[in-house]
Amino acid sequence: MQHIDIKEIFGNQELLNNNVTVCGWVRTARDSKNVAFIELNDGTSLKHLQIVIEKDSGIQLEQCLKLGTALKVEGKLVPSANNIVEINASSIEVLGTAPADYPLQKKRHTLEFLRTMPHLRLRTNTFNAVFRVRSVMAAAIHEFFQSKNFVYVNPPLITGSDCEGAGEMFQVTTIGYQDGKYESAEDYYADDFFGKKAGLSVSAQLEGETAALAMGKIYTFGPSFRAENSNTPKHLAEFWHVEPEVAFAELPDVIALAEEMVKFVIGRVLEKCPQEMQFFDKFMENGLIDRLTKLISEDFGTITYTEAIELLKKADVDFQYPVEWGCDLQTEHERYISEKIFNKAVFVTNYPKEIKSFYMKQNADGKTVAAVDLLVPGVGEIIGGSEREADYDKLLEAMKVRNMPLDPYADYLDLRKYGSVPHGGFGLGFERLIMYVTGMANIRDVVLYPRTVNNIR
């Protein structure tokens, strides 16, 4: 049906004093003696459009004023002192009714309550704003990489190898439960769809390296899956992953690319989503806009893991997790580094090889690898990357030390035989960046249907 987006109603002065048609859902409604008012929203704008209904217009109000009802409204668009513009309705068609027990009534609901109804929560101002910002951020990521001659590739979601080497993968099978049918795991997998064990990808990096070592610069942007039993505010079992890979690049090049990308994406949001960002600044995190503006206006810091450990050990803080060289940095450590030591975004480099993945370039000291994490105030790590190990023998030895099976990684090893070059990349958890930009405290509130431990619908 023909209608005008409410966002266009607010932005097009030429529509004033003309008849227009809009569609949307009733967000609020109030009735008085001679006139009724409806706040209508179609999802294109954070701001609602006021509909004014004269009681003598002949419009039947009984269904129109119920919250959640879908309407098609025709009328004259006129200036309004309080609402910029409003529509004096001449006719209203009810497209879909909502009963009296519609869950989203006028009172302000908690985010925890709204998580129980993911199919409806997007109709609230908070989630309406979150997902418009998410859309702008996704477009900005593509815009950034496309402007730098990166090729967008689509890696497989089903894989026979574990990129991280940690075994936290969801199994893919067509067999399902078979009580007593198979004598061994080998027999079971041989009878399955692929004839071998398969799982959902935890990362597109390995396939991304394959593409980068042919096309120079590539990026992937799609879902990844982690069967990690973590019920924290920043972990999901299914999340969206941005993973560029660059040939002829060393660790400093990876760091520079990550900083430029983050600043570009945040800048686009501040430019294109002013109303949404003002909403988040007011209701989610006071000072959010100033924090983001500060972040993109100054250089990110850089510190080695070893230097960071020494500063953490000297800190007058009783950390929950003890700090010693060789430990994996916890969120409390990451936030102290970014918030207290630097008070800005900071890259931590050159981690102990034992706590990082097998594919990272081994440094000359024999103890560390050319890894990097980007830490930001308020969240902690949002990017993890490295220069990749380009030497066949060193990569093979790292895999053997971890007792990794070599067959699933035969193609990956082959890349080091045929024209190997220095190369690197990083992975950005898209939802974590959205949390940082919007001030949302729980990752479940920036994804459409969160997949977490014991939670799927």
Protein backbone atom coordinates (compact mmCIF):
# COMPACT_ATOMS: atom_id res chain seq x y z
CA MET A 1 0.00 0.00 0.00
CA GLN A 2 1.23 3.48 -0.81
CA HIS A 3 2.30 5.58 2.16
CA ILE A 4 5.11 7.86 3.32
CA ASP A 5 7.72 6.86 5.92
CA ILE A 6 7.33 8.85 9.12
CA LYS A 7 11.01 9.76 8.92
CA GLU A 8 10.26 11.51 5.61
CA ILE A 9 7.29 13.30 7.17
CA PHE A 10 9.63 15.02 9.65
CA GLY A 11 12.29 15.78 7.07
CA ASN A 12 10.33 17.08 4.07
CA GLN A 13 8.97 20.62 4.37
CA GLU A 14 7.29 20.32 0.98
CA LEU A 15 4.71 17.96 2.49
CA LEU A 16 3.36 20.63 4.82
CA ASN A 17 -0.31 21.55 4.29
CA ASN A 18 -0.75 18.60 1.92
CA ASN A 19 -2.71 15.40 2.35
CA VAL A 20 -0.47 12.46 3.26
CA THR A 21 -0.86 8.79 4.12
CA VAL A 22 1.17 7.07 6.82
CA CYS A 23 1.15 3.64 8.45
CA GLY A 24 2.37 2.56 11.85
CA TRP A 25 1.60 1.21 15.30
CA VAL A 26 -0.06 3.10 18.13
CA ARG A 27 2.55 3.87 20.76
CA THR A 28 0.41 6.08 23.01
CA ALA A 29 -3.14 7.45 22.83
CA ARG A 30 -5.28 9.83 24.83
CA ASP A 31 -8.88 10.87 24.56
CA SER A 32 -10.55 14.14 25.53
CA LYS A 33 -13.97 15.71 25.10
CA ASN A 34 -13.64 17.04 21.56
CA VAL A 35 -10.45 15.53 20.21
CA ALA A 36 -8.25 12.40 20.50
CA PHE A 37 -4.50 12.09 20.03
CA ILE A 38 -2.43 9.15 18.80
CA GLU A 39 1.37 8.84 18.78
CA LEU A 40 2.19 6.70 15.71
CA ASN A 41 5.51 5.05 14.89
CA ASP A 42 6.49 2.94 11.87
CA GLY A 43 10.05 2.12 12.91
CA THR A 44 11.77 4.61 10.58
CA SER A 45 12.13 7.34 13.21
CA LEU A 46 12.76 7.51 16.93
CA LYS A 47 10.28 10.36 17.14
CA HIS A 48 6.57 9.50 17.00
CA LEU A 49 4.14 11.29 14.71
CA GLN A 50 1.13 12.82 16.39
CA ILE A 51 -2.26 12.11 14.83
CA VAL A 52 -5.10 14.49 15.77
CA ILE A 53 -8.65 13.16 15.46
CA GLU A 54 -11.60 15.52 15.75
CA LYS A 55 -14.59 13.83 17.40
CA ASP A 56 -16.93 15.12 14.68
CA SER A 57 -14.80 13.61 11.87
CA GLY A 58 -16.82 10.40 11.85
CA ILE A 59 -13.73 8.24 12.58
CA GLN A 60 -14.53 5.29 14.83
CA LEU A 61 -12.16 5.56 17.81
CA GLU A 62 -12.83 2.34 19.71
CA GLN A 63 -10.06 0.28 18.04
CA CYS A 64 -7.84 3.19 16.97
CA LEU A 65 -6.80 4.18 20.49
CA LYS A 66 -5.64 0.73 21.65
CA LEU A 67 -1.88 0.45 22.11
CA GLY A 68 -0.18 -1.83 19.59
CA THR A 69 -2.88 -1.46 16.97
CA ALA A 70 -1.62 -1.05 13.38
CA LEU A 71 -3.19 1.85 11.49
CA LYS A 72 -3.26 3.46 8.08
CA VAL A 73 -3.91 7.18 8.50
CA GLU A 74 -4.82 9.75 5.88
CA GLY A 75 -5.00 13.45 6.58
CA LYS A 76 -3.51 16.92 6.26
CA LEU A 77 0.03 17.50 7.51
CA VAL A 78 0.14 20.74 9.50
CA PRO A 79 2.71 22.54 11.68
CA SER A 80 2.64 21.80 15.39
CA ALA A 81 4.14 23.89 18.17
CA ASN A 82 5.16 20.88 20.27
CA ASN A 83 5.67 18.14 17.68
CA ILE A 84 7.11 19.99 14.63
CA VAL A 85 4.31 18.57 12.48
CA GLU A 86 1.15 16.54 13.03
CA ILE A 87 -1.62 15.05 10.93
CA ASN A 88 -5.21 16.13 11.16
CA ALA A 89 -6.78 12.78 10.33
CA SER A 90 -9.54 12.56 7.73
CA SER A 91 -9.72 8.75 7.70
CA ILE A 92 -8.18 5.87 9.61
CA GLU A 93 -8.10 2.21 8.62
CA VAL A 94 -7.35 -0.39 11.26
CA LEU A 95 -4.88 -2.84 9.71
CA GLY A 96 -4.34 -5.01 12.75
CA THR A 97 -6.00 -4.89 16.17
CA ALA A 98 -4.29 -5.39 19.53
CA PRO A 99 -6.12 -6.70 22.62
CA ALA A 100 -6.23 -5.05 26.02
CA ASP A 101 -3.48 -7.36 27.30
CA TYR A 102 -0.93 -6.06 24.78
CA PRO A 103 2.30 -6.36 26.83
CA LEU A 104 3.85 -2.98 25.97
CA GLN A 105 1.73 -0.53 27.90
CA LYS A 106 2.66 3.04 28.83
CA LYS A 107 4.84 2.23 31.83
CA ARG A 108 8.61 1.92 31.36
CA HIS A 109 9.65 -1.76 31.25
CA THR A 110 13.00 -3.15 32.38
CA LEU A 111 15.37 -4.59 29.79
CA GLU A 112 15.20 -7.93 31.61
CA PHE A 113 11.42 -8.01 31.17
CA LEU A 114 11.69 -7.06 27.51
CA ARG A 115 14.10 -9.95 26.89
CA THR A 116 11.18 -12.28 27.57
CA MET A 117 9.46 -10.95 24.45
CA PRO A 118 12.08 -10.50 21.71
CA HIS A 119 9.31 -10.53 19.11
CA LEU A 120 7.80 -7.32 20.53
CA ARG A 121 10.64 -5.43 22.20
CA LEU A 122 11.74 -3.73 18.98
CA ARG A 123 8.58 -1.62 19.20
CA THR A 124 9.99 0.19 22.23
CA ASN A 125 12.08 3.34 21.82
CA THR A 126 15.19 1.65 23.21
CA PHE A 127 15.32 -1.25 20.80
CA ASN A 128 13.99 0.81 17.92
CA ALA A 129 17.07 3.00 18.39
CA VAL A 130 19.48 0.09 18.95
CA PHE A 131 18.65 -1.64 15.72
CA ARG A 132 18.72 1.49 13.59
CA VAL A 133 22.19 2.22 14.96
CA ARG A 134 23.18 -1.39 14.30
CA SER A 135 22.06 -1.01 10.68
CA VAL A 136 24.10 2.18 10.21
CA MET A 137 27.16 0.53 11.77
CA ALA A 138 26.91 -2.48 9.47
CA ALA A 139 26.67 -0.23 6.42
CA ALA A 140 29.65 1.80 7.66
CA ILE A 141 31.79 -1.34 7.98
CA HIS A 142 31.09 -2.26 4.36
CA GLU A 143 31.66 1.35 3.27
CA PHE A 144 35.02 1.49 5.06
CA PHE A 145 36.47 -1.69 3.59
CA GLN A 146 35.04 -1.18 0.12
CA SER A 147 36.62 2.30 -0.01
CA LYS A 148 40.03 0.69 0.66
CA ASN A 149 39.83 -1.93 -2.10
CA PHE A 150 39.02 -4.83 0.21
CA VAL A 151 37.12 -7.71 -1.35
CA TYR A 152 34.07 -8.93 0.57
CA VAL A 153 34.09 -12.74 0.75
CA ASN A 154 31.56 -15.16 2.20
CA PRO A 155 33.23 -18.03 4.08
CA PRO A 156 31.51 -21.32 4.94
CA LEU A 157 29.61 -21.59 8.21
CA ILE A 158 30.08 -25.37 8.37
CA THR A 159 33.67 -26.44 8.85
CA GLY A 160 35.80 -29.47 9.61
CA SER A 161 38.48 -27.51 11.51
CA ASP A 162 38.48 -25.50 14.73
CA CYS A 163 40.05 -22.11 14.00
CA GLU A 164 40.83 -21.32 17.63
CA GLY A 165 41.99 -24.83 18.49
CA ALA A 166 39.91 -24.69 21.67
CA GLY A 167 37.21 -27.23 20.81
CA GLU A 168 34.30 -24.90 21.67
CA MET A 169 32.30 -25.78 18.56
CA PHE A 170 28.70 -26.73 17.89
CA GLN A 171 28.48 -30.09 16.18
CA VAL A 172 26.65 -30.32 12.85
CA THR A 173 24.95 -33.65 12.28
CA THR A 174 22.02 -35.20 10.48
CA ILE A 175 22.02 -38.35 12.59
CA GLY A 176 21.06 -37.13 16.03
CA TYR A 177 20.67 -39.45 19.00
CA GLN A 178 21.31 -43.11 18.20
CA ASP A 179 21.29 -45.35 21.27
CA GLY A 180 23.77 -48.17 20.84
CA LYS A 181 23.89 -48.08 17.04
CA TYR A 182 27.58 -47.15 16.72
CA GLU A 183 30.52 -48.81 18.43
CA SER A 184 32.86 -45.81 18.09
CA ALA A 185 32.93 -42.11 17.30
CA GLU A 186 34.68 -42.91 14.03
CA ASP A 187 31.79 -45.15 12.93
CA TYR A 188 29.29 -42.47 13.93
CA TYR A 189 30.98 -39.68 11.97
CA ALA A 190 31.58 -41.94 8.96
CA ASP A 191 27.84 -42.47 8.74
CA ASP A 192 27.03 -38.75 9.04
CA PHE A 193 26.32 -36.32 6.19
CA PHE A 194 29.91 -35.27 5.50
CA GLY A 195 31.50 -38.60 6.39
CA LYS A 196 33.53 -36.90 9.11
CA LYS A 197 33.07 -34.67 12.14
CA ALA A 198 31.75 -31.20 11.27
CA GLY A 199 30.86 -28.11 13.26
CA LEU A 200 29.71 -24.52 13.03
CA SER A 201 32.54 -22.07 12.41
CA VAL A 202 33.98 -20.16 15.36
CA SER A 203 35.78 -17.79 12.99
CA ALA A 204 36.26 -17.19 9.28
CA GLN A 205 39.94 -16.41 9.71
CA LEU A 206 41.44 -19.54 8.19
CA GLU A 207 39.31 -19.24 5.06
CA GLY A 208 39.95 -15.50 5.08
CA GLU A 209 43.69 -16.06 4.92
CA THR A 210 43.15 -18.29 1.90
CA ALA A 211 41.38 -15.43 0.11
CA ALA A 212 43.85 -12.75 1.24
CA LEU A 213 46.81 -14.74 -0.07
CA ALA A 214 45.23 -14.56 -3.50
CA MET A 215 43.40 -11.21 -3.51
CA GLY A 216 45.56 -9.14 -1.18
CA LYS A 217 42.93 -7.55 1.04
CA ILE A 218 39.65 -9.18 2.04
CA TYR A 219 37.07 -8.96 4.79
CA THR A 220 34.29 -11.20 6.03
CA PHE A 221 31.20 -10.07 7.92
CA GLY A 222 28.91 -12.81 9.12
CA PRO A 223 27.90 -15.05 12.01
CA SER A 224 30.25 -17.10 14.17
CA PHE A 225 29.32 -19.69 16.77
CA ARG A 226 30.94 -20.50 20.12
CA ALA A 227 29.72 -23.35 22.33
CA GLU A 228 31.24 -21.63 25.34
CA ASN A 229 29.42 -22.06 28.63
CA SER A 230 29.68 -18.37 29.52
CA ASN A 231 26.62 -16.67 30.93
CA THR A 232 28.05 -13.15 31.08
CA PRO A 233 26.76 -9.77 29.82
CA LYS A 234 29.19 -9.85 26.87
CA HIS A 235 29.04 -13.44 25.58
CA LEU A 236 26.77 -14.97 22.94
CA ALA A 237 26.72 -18.42 21.41
CA GLU A 238 25.95 -16.83 18.02
CA PHE A 239 27.40 -13.44 17.15
CA TRP A 240 28.40 -11.38 14.13
CA HIS A 241 32.07 -11.22 13.29
CA VAL A 242 34.02 -8.70 11.21
CA GLU A 243 37.31 -10.25 10.07
CA PRO A 244 39.67 -8.52 7.64
CA GLU A 245 42.81 -10.27 6.42
CA VAL A 246 45.63 -8.42 4.67
CA ALA A 247 48.57 -9.80 2.70
CA PHE A 248 51.96 -8.05 2.84
CA ALA A 249 51.10 -6.70 6.30
CA GLU A 250 52.83 -6.86 9.66
CA LEU A 251 51.52 -6.16 13.16
CA PRO A 252 51.79 -2.34 12.95
CA ASP A 253 49.70 -2.44 9.75
CA VAL A 254 47.02 -4.51 11.51
CA ILE A 255 46.93 -2.04 14.39
CA ALA A 256 46.61 0.98 12.09
CA LEU A 257 43.77 -0.66 10.14
CA ALA A 258 41.84 -1.52 13.30
CA GLU A 259 42.11 2.02 14.69
CA GLU A 260 41.04 3.61 11.42
CA MET A 261 38.05 1.26 11.07
CA VAL A 262 36.75 1.83 14.60
CA LYS A 263 37.00 5.60 14.26
CA PHE A 264 35.27 5.55 10.88
CA VAL A 265 32.32 3.45 12.08
CA ILE A 266 31.77 5.50 15.24
CA GLY A 267 32.03 8.73 13.26
CA ARG A 268 29.33 7.52 10.88
CA VAL A 269 26.98 6.76 13.76
CA LEU A 270 27.47 10.19 15.33
CA GLU A 271 26.81 11.74 11.93
CA LYS A 272 23.79 9.70 10.85
CA CYS A 273 22.04 8.89 14.13
CA PRO A 274 21.93 12.11 16.19
CA GLN A 275 18.47 11.48 17.71
CA GLU A 276 19.28 7.90 18.65
CA MET A 277 22.61 8.89 20.20
CA GLN A 278 20.96 11.67 22.22
CA PHE A 279 18.47 9.09 23.46
CA PHE A 280 21.25 6.73 24.56
CA ASP A 281 23.15 9.60 26.15
CA LYS A 282 20.08 10.53 28.20
CA PHE A 283 18.78 7.10 29.18
CA MET A 284 21.68 4.63 28.94
CA GLU A 285 24.94 6.44 29.66
CA ASN A 286 25.29 10.11 30.51
CA GLY A 287 28.21 11.59 28.61
CA LEU A 288 28.15 8.88 25.93
CA ILE A 289 28.40 11.27 22.99
CA ASP A 290 31.31 13.13 24.59
CA ARG A 291 33.07 9.82 25.28
CA LEU A 292 32.75 8.67 21.68
CA THR A 293 33.74 12.07 20.31
CA LYS A 294 36.85 11.99 22.49
CA LEU A 295 37.67 8.45 21.37
CA ILE A 296 37.71 9.25 17.66
CA SER A 297 39.52 12.58 18.08
CA GLU A 298 42.71 11.25 19.65
CA ASP A 299 45.30 8.59 18.89
CA PHE A 300 44.80 5.21 20.53
CA GLY A 301 47.42 4.13 23.04
CA THR A 302 49.80 1.18 22.66
CA ILE A 303 51.41 -0.93 25.36
CA THR A 304 53.03 -4.36 25.40
CA TYR A 305 51.54 -7.15 27.46
CA THR A 306 54.69 -7.25 29.62
CA GLU A 307 54.45 -3.51 30.34
CA ALA A 308 50.76 -3.84 31.13
CA ILE A 309 51.39 -6.66 33.61
CA GLU A 310 53.98 -4.58 35.45
CA LEU A 311 51.59 -1.63 35.73
CA LEU A 312 48.76 -3.88 36.91
CA LYS A 313 50.97 -5.40 39.59
CA LYS A 314 51.82 -1.92 40.87
CA ALA A 315 48.19 -0.80 40.86
CA ASP A 316 46.61 -0.12 44.25
CA VAL A 317 43.65 -2.34 43.38
CA ASP A 318 42.50 -5.65 44.85
CA PHE A 319 41.79 -7.50 41.61
CA GLN A 320 39.57 -10.55 41.78
CA TYR A 321 41.99 -12.39 39.49
CA PRO A 322 45.69 -12.25 40.48
CA VAL A 323 48.09 -10.72 37.97
CA GLU A 324 51.27 -12.50 36.94
CA TRP A 325 53.19 -12.66 33.67
CA GLY A 326 51.61 -15.45 31.64
CA CYS A 327 48.06 -14.95 32.87
CA ASP A 328 45.25 -14.14 30.48
CA LEU A 329 43.95 -10.62 31.02
CA GLN A 330 40.46 -10.56 32.52
CA THR A 331 37.85 -7.87 31.90
CA GLU A 332 38.73 -6.14 35.17
CA HIS A 333 42.37 -5.91 34.03
CA GLU A 334 41.43 -4.72 30.54
CA ARG A 335 39.14 -2.01 31.88
CA TYR A 336 41.78 -0.80 34.38
CA ILE A 337 44.30 -0.46 31.57
CA SER A 338 41.95 1.47 29.27
CA GLU A 339 40.09 3.47 31.92
CA LYS A 340 42.69 4.22 34.60
CA ILE A 341 46.11 3.94 32.99
CA PHE A 342 45.29 5.44 29.56
CA ASN A 343 41.75 6.84 29.86
CA LYS A 344 41.24 6.01 26.19
CA ALA A 345 41.32 3.13 23.75
CA VAL A 346 44.57 1.18 23.88
CA PHE A 347 46.22 -1.66 21.96
CA VAL A 348 47.97 -4.36 24.01
CA THR A 349 50.58 -6.26 22.01
CA ASN A 350 52.96 -9.22 22.19
CA TYR A 351 51.19 -11.71 24.46
CA PRO A 352 52.73 -14.94 25.82
CA LYS A 353 52.45 -17.60 23.14
CA GLU A 354 50.91 -20.12 25.55
CA ILE A 355 47.71 -18.07 25.98
CA LYS A 356 47.22 -17.18 22.32
CA SER A 357 46.22 -19.17 19.25
CA PHE A 358 48.52 -21.45 17.29
CA TYR A 359 48.47 -19.34 14.11
CA MET A 360 50.04 -16.18 15.55
CA LYS A 361 53.54 -15.15 14.45
CA GLN A 362 56.19 -16.17 16.95
CA ASN A 363 58.40 -13.31 18.06
CA ALA A 364 62.18 -13.53 18.18
CA ASP A 365 62.20 -13.69 22.01
CA GLY A 366 60.75 -17.20 21.85
CA LYS A 367 58.19 -16.33 24.54
CA THR A 368 55.64 -14.08 22.87
CA VAL A 369 53.63 -13.81 19.69
CA ALA A 370 52.75 -10.78 17.54
CA ALA A 371 49.23 -10.56 18.90
CA VAL A 372 47.13 -7.47 19.61
CA ASP A 373 43.92 -6.74 21.51
CA LEU A 374 42.06 -3.44 21.40
CA LEU A 375 40.72 -2.43 24.80
CA VAL A 376 38.16 0.35 25.23
CA PRO A 377 36.84 2.02 28.39
CA GLY A 378 33.62 0.59 29.73
CA VAL A 379 33.80 -2.72 27.86
CA GLY A 380 37.33 -4.08 27.69
CA GLU A 381 38.40 -6.08 24.64
CA ILE A 382 36.47 -5.52 21.40
CA ILE A 383 39.12 -6.56 18.85
CA GLY A 384 41.63 -9.38 18.83
CA GLY A 385 44.18 -9.81 16.05
CA SER A 386 47.71 -10.67 15.10
CA GLU A 387 50.29 -10.99 12.45
CA ARG A 388 49.91 -14.59 11.26
CA GLU A 389 52.73 -17.11 11.30
CA ALA A 390 53.99 -17.25 7.70
CA ASP A 391 56.73 -19.85 8.28
CA TYR A 392 55.64 -23.42 7.55
CA ASP A 393 57.99 -25.11 10.03
CA LYS A 394 57.14 -22.76 12.91
CA LEU A 395 53.42 -23.11 12.31
CA LEU A 396 53.68 -26.89 12.13
CA GLU A 397 55.64 -27.02 15.37
CA ALA A 398 53.09 -24.79 17.16
CA MET A 399 50.33 -27.16 16.13
CA LYS A 400 52.26 -30.24 17.25
CA VAL A 401 52.95 -28.68 20.66
CA ARG A 402 49.19 -28.31 21.08
CA ASN A 403 48.58 -31.90 19.91
CA MET A 404 46.33 -30.62 17.12
CA PRO A 405 45.26 -32.95 14.32
CA LEU A 406 47.01 -31.92 11.11
CA ASP A 407 44.65 -33.33 8.48
CA PRO A 408 41.86 -30.74 8.96
CA TYR A 409 44.45 -27.99 8.51
CA ALA A 410 46.21 -29.35 5.42
CA ASP A 411 44.99 -26.50 3.20
CA TYR A 412 46.01 -23.91 5.79
CA LEU A 413 49.49 -25.37 6.05
CA ASP A 414 49.77 -25.46 2.25
CA LEU A 415 49.47 -21.67 2.14
CA ARG A 416 52.91 -21.53 3.81
CA LYS A 417 54.40 -23.66 1.03
CA TYR A 418 53.29 -21.73 -2.03
CA GLY A 419 54.40 -18.10 -2.01
CA SER A 420 53.95 -17.35 1.68
CA VAL A 421 54.11 -13.69 2.68
CA PRO A 422 53.80 -11.68 5.90
CA HIS A 423 50.11 -11.17 6.56
CA GLY A 424 47.73 -10.39 9.38
CA GLY A 425 44.24 -9.48 10.41
CA PHE A 426 41.84 -9.13 13.29
CA GLY A 427 38.39 -10.10 14.48
CA LEU A 428 35.82 -7.63 15.75
CA GLY A 429 32.84 -8.84 17.74
CA PHE A 430 30.20 -6.65 16.11
CA GLU A 431 27.79 -6.81 19.06
CA ARG A 432 30.49 -5.69 21.48
CA LEU A 433 31.15 -2.62 19.38
CA ILE A 434 27.42 -1.90 19.31
CA MET A 435 27.37 -2.12 23.11
CA TYR A 436 30.21 0.36 23.29
CA VAL A 437 28.58 2.81 20.90
CA THR A 438 25.08 2.67 22.41
CA GLY A 439 25.93 2.33 26.10
CA MET A 440 23.86 -0.86 26.34
CA ALA A 441 25.23 -2.92 29.22
CA ASN A 442 24.18 -6.41 28.08
CA ILE A 443 25.02 -8.01 24.74
CA ARG A 444 21.61 -9.71 24.73
CA ASP A 445 20.09 -6.28 24.12
CA VAL A 446 21.89 -5.53 20.85
CA VAL A 447 21.01 -8.71 18.94
CA LEU A 448 17.61 -9.64 17.53
CA TYR A 449 17.27 -13.09 19.12
CA PRO A 450 20.09 -13.75 21.61
CA ARG A 451 21.52 -17.27 21.68
CA THR A 452 22.99 -18.03 25.10
CA VAL A 453 23.36 -21.01 27.44
CA ASN A 454 19.95 -22.63 28.02
CA ASN A 455 18.23 -19.95 25.97
CA ILE A 456 16.89 -20.34 22.44
CA ARG A 457 13.53 -19.41 20.93
